[in-house]
Amino acid sequence: KTLFSFLNSEQIKKFVDYSHYLHLEVALAGSLHKEDLITVTALGADIAGVRGAACTNGDRTNVELKQKLVRELVDIVKGIKPQPAIKRA
């Protein structure tokens, strides 16, 4: 199961916004796939945990990071349009 199996986007957004209101940075993780990076960024996360997405067959137990997969993740992040800075109370 993934983060989105337990919380919907609206719930995550409320969590992120409230955490930022408290001057906290937010890291989101939970079996995220490379396709989730755009959504997680749009929800305002400061950090995304994608260990499984960078490993062979998504196997994070017998970790074998793959350079190709890491490069794909980097390319996705580089392609995400920066959001305007959020003014934190």
C-alpha atoms as a PDB file:
ATOM      1  CA  LYS A   1       0.000   0.000   0.000  1.00  0.00           C
ATOM      2  CA  THR A   2       1.055   3.580  -0.536  1.00  0.00           C
ATOM      3  CA  LEU A   3       0.628   6.872   1.276  1.00  0.00           C
ATOM      4  CA  PHE A   4      -2.386   7.518  -0.954  1.00  0.00           C
ATOM      5  CA  SER A   5      -4.002   4.257   0.248  1.00  0.00           C
ATOM      6  CA  PHE A   6      -4.345   5.778   3.705  1.00  0.00           C
ATOM      7  CA  LEU A   7      -4.860   9.492   3.048  1.00  0.00           C
ATOM      8  CA  ASN A   8      -6.423  11.318   0.134  1.00  0.00           C
ATOM      9  CA  SER A   9      -4.894  14.420  -1.433  1.00  0.00           C
ATOM     10  CA  GLU A  10      -7.138  16.775   0.531  1.00  0.00           C
ATOM     11  CA  GLN A  11      -6.100  15.221   3.855  1.00  0.00           C
ATOM     12  CA  ILE A  12      -2.438  15.357   2.910  1.00  0.00           C
ATOM     13  CA  LYS A  13      -2.748  18.991   1.800  1.00  0.00           C
ATOM     14  CA  LYS A  14      -4.324  19.935   5.155  1.00  0.00           C
ATOM     15  CA  PHE A  15      -1.479  18.163   6.970  1.00  0.00           C
ATOM     16  CA  VAL A  16       1.156  19.927   4.864  1.00  0.00           C
ATOM     17  CA  ASP A  17      -0.465  23.347   5.239  1.00  0.00           C
ATOM     18  CA  TYR A  18      -0.856  23.005   9.005  1.00  0.00           C
ATOM     19  CA  SER A  19       2.718  21.761   9.382  1.00  0.00           C
ATOM     20  CA  HIS A  20       3.972  24.761   7.400  1.00  0.00           C
ATOM     21  CA  TYR A  21       1.807  27.016   9.575  1.00  0.00           C
ATOM     22  CA  LEU A  22       3.766  25.586  12.534  1.00  0.00           C
ATOM     23  CA  HIS A  23       7.030  26.390  10.689  1.00  0.00           C
ATOM     24  CA  LEU A  24       7.803  22.721  10.082  1.00  0.00           C
ATOM     25  CA  GLU A  25       9.208  21.153   6.961  1.00  0.00           C
ATOM     26  CA  VAL A  26       7.218  18.243   5.585  1.00  0.00           C
ATOM     27  CA  ALA A  27       8.583  14.971   4.252  1.00  0.00           C
ATOM     28  CA  LEU A  28       6.115  12.643   2.561  1.00  0.00           C
ATOM     29  CA  ALA A  29       6.883   8.995   1.900  1.00  0.00           C
ATOM     30  CA  GLY A  30       5.141   5.669   1.776  1.00  0.00           C
ATOM     31  CA  SER A  31       5.810   3.510  -1.263  1.00  0.00           C
ATOM     32  CA  LEU A  32       5.766   6.519  -3.535  1.00  0.00           C
ATOM     33  CA  HIS A  33       6.292   5.895  -7.227  1.00  0.00           C
ATOM     34  CA  LYS A  34       8.089   8.220  -9.595  1.00  0.00           C
ATOM     35  CA  GLU A  35       4.699   9.323 -10.933  1.00  0.00           C
ATOM     36  CA  ASP A  36       3.770  10.504  -7.415  1.00  0.00           C
ATOM     37  CA  LEU A  37       6.550  13.123  -7.290  1.00  0.00           C
ATOM     38  CA  ILE A  38       4.498  15.705  -9.168  1.00  0.00           C
ATOM     39  CA  THR A  39       1.499  15.190  -6.869  1.00  0.00           C
ATOM     40  CA  VAL A  40       3.584  15.265  -3.693  1.00  0.00           C
ATOM     41  CA  THR A  41       5.246  18.472  -4.865  1.00  0.00           C
ATOM     42  CA  ALA A  42       1.896  20.037  -5.764  1.00  0.00           C
ATOM     43  CA  LEU A  43       0.664  19.214  -2.255  1.00  0.00           C
ATOM     44  CA  GLY A  44       3.544  21.297  -0.896  1.00  0.00           C
ATOM     45  CA  ALA A  45       5.919  18.650   0.479  1.00  0.00           C
ATOM     46  CA  ASP A  46       9.439  19.868   1.125  1.00  0.00           C
ATOM     47  CA  ILE A  47      10.912  16.365   0.840  1.00  0.00           C
ATOM     48  CA  ALA A  48       9.726  13.193  -0.903  1.00  0.00           C
ATOM     49  CA  GLY A  49      10.917   9.750   0.147  1.00  0.00           C
ATOM     50  CA  VAL A  50      11.237   7.471  -2.871  1.00  0.00           C
ATOM     51  CA  ARG A  51      13.603   4.689  -1.810  1.00  0.00           C
ATOM     52  CA  GLY A  52      11.633   1.892  -3.459  1.00  0.00           C
ATOM     53  CA  ALA A  53      11.278   3.863  -6.687  1.00  0.00           C
ATOM     54  CA  ALA A  54      15.079   3.945  -6.980  1.00  0.00           C
ATOM     55  CA  CYS A  55      15.587   0.221  -6.353  1.00  0.00           C
ATOM     56  CA  THR A  56      15.455  -2.805  -8.620  1.00  0.00           C
ATOM     57  CA  ASN A  57      11.828  -3.918  -9.020  1.00  0.00           C
ATOM     58  CA  GLY A  58      10.859  -1.532  -6.226  1.00  0.00           C
ATOM     59  CA  ASP A  59      12.465  -3.949  -3.732  1.00  0.00           C
ATOM     60  CA  ARG A  60      13.548  -1.790  -0.824  1.00  0.00           C
ATOM     61  CA  THR A  61      14.355  -4.775   1.406  1.00  0.00           C
ATOM     62  CA  ASN A  62      17.189  -6.192  -0.696  1.00  0.00           C
ATOM     63  CA  VAL A  63      18.296  -2.722  -1.688  1.00  0.00           C
ATOM     64  CA  GLU A  64      20.059  -2.366  -4.974  1.00  0.00           C
ATOM     65  CA  LEU A  65      19.895   1.220  -6.131  1.00  0.00           C
ATOM     66  CA  LYS A  66      19.853   1.617  -9.874  1.00  0.00           C
ATOM     67  CA  GLN A  67      21.538   4.632 -11.431  1.00  0.00           C
ATOM     68  CA  LYS A  68      18.999   4.663 -14.285  1.00  0.00           C
ATOM     69  CA  LEU A  69      16.083   4.849 -11.837  1.00  0.00           C
ATOM     70  CA  VAL A  70      17.766   7.560  -9.774  1.00  0.00           C
ATOM     71  CA  ARG A  71      18.402   9.547 -12.975  1.00  0.00           C
ATOM     72  CA  GLU A  72      14.694   9.238 -13.902  1.00  0.00           C
ATOM     73  CA  LEU A  73      13.710  10.567 -10.472  1.00  0.00           C
ATOM     74  CA  VAL A  74      16.158  13.462 -10.784  1.00  0.00           C
ATOM     75  CA  ASP A  75      14.826  14.309 -14.247  1.00  0.00           C
ATOM     76  CA  ILE A  76      11.245  14.350 -12.943  1.00  0.00           C
ATOM     77  CA  VAL A  77      12.179  16.656 -10.070  1.00  0.00           C
ATOM     78  CA  LYS A  78      14.115  18.960 -12.384  1.00  0.00           C
ATOM     79  CA  GLY A  79      11.074  19.155 -14.667  1.00  0.00           C
ATOM     80  CA  ILE A  80       8.679  20.183 -11.906  1.00  0.00           C
ATOM     81  CA  LYS A  81       7.830  23.843 -12.208  1.00  0.00           C
ATOM     82  CA  PRO A  82       8.813  25.654  -9.005  1.00  0.00           C
ATOM     83  CA  GLN A  83       5.875  26.827  -6.929  1.00  0.00           C
ATOM     84  CA  PRO A  84       5.837  30.378  -5.586  1.00  0.00           C
ATOM     85  CA  ALA A  85       7.209  30.589  -2.061  1.00  0.00           C
ATOM     86  CA  ILE A  86       4.535  30.138   0.551  1.00  0.00           C
ATOM     87  CA  LYS A  87       4.422  32.868   3.141  1.00  0.00           C
ATOM     88  CA  ARG A  88       4.423  31.065   6.450  1.00  0.00           C
ATOM     89  CA  ALA A  89       2.740  32.742   9.379  1.00  0.00           C
END
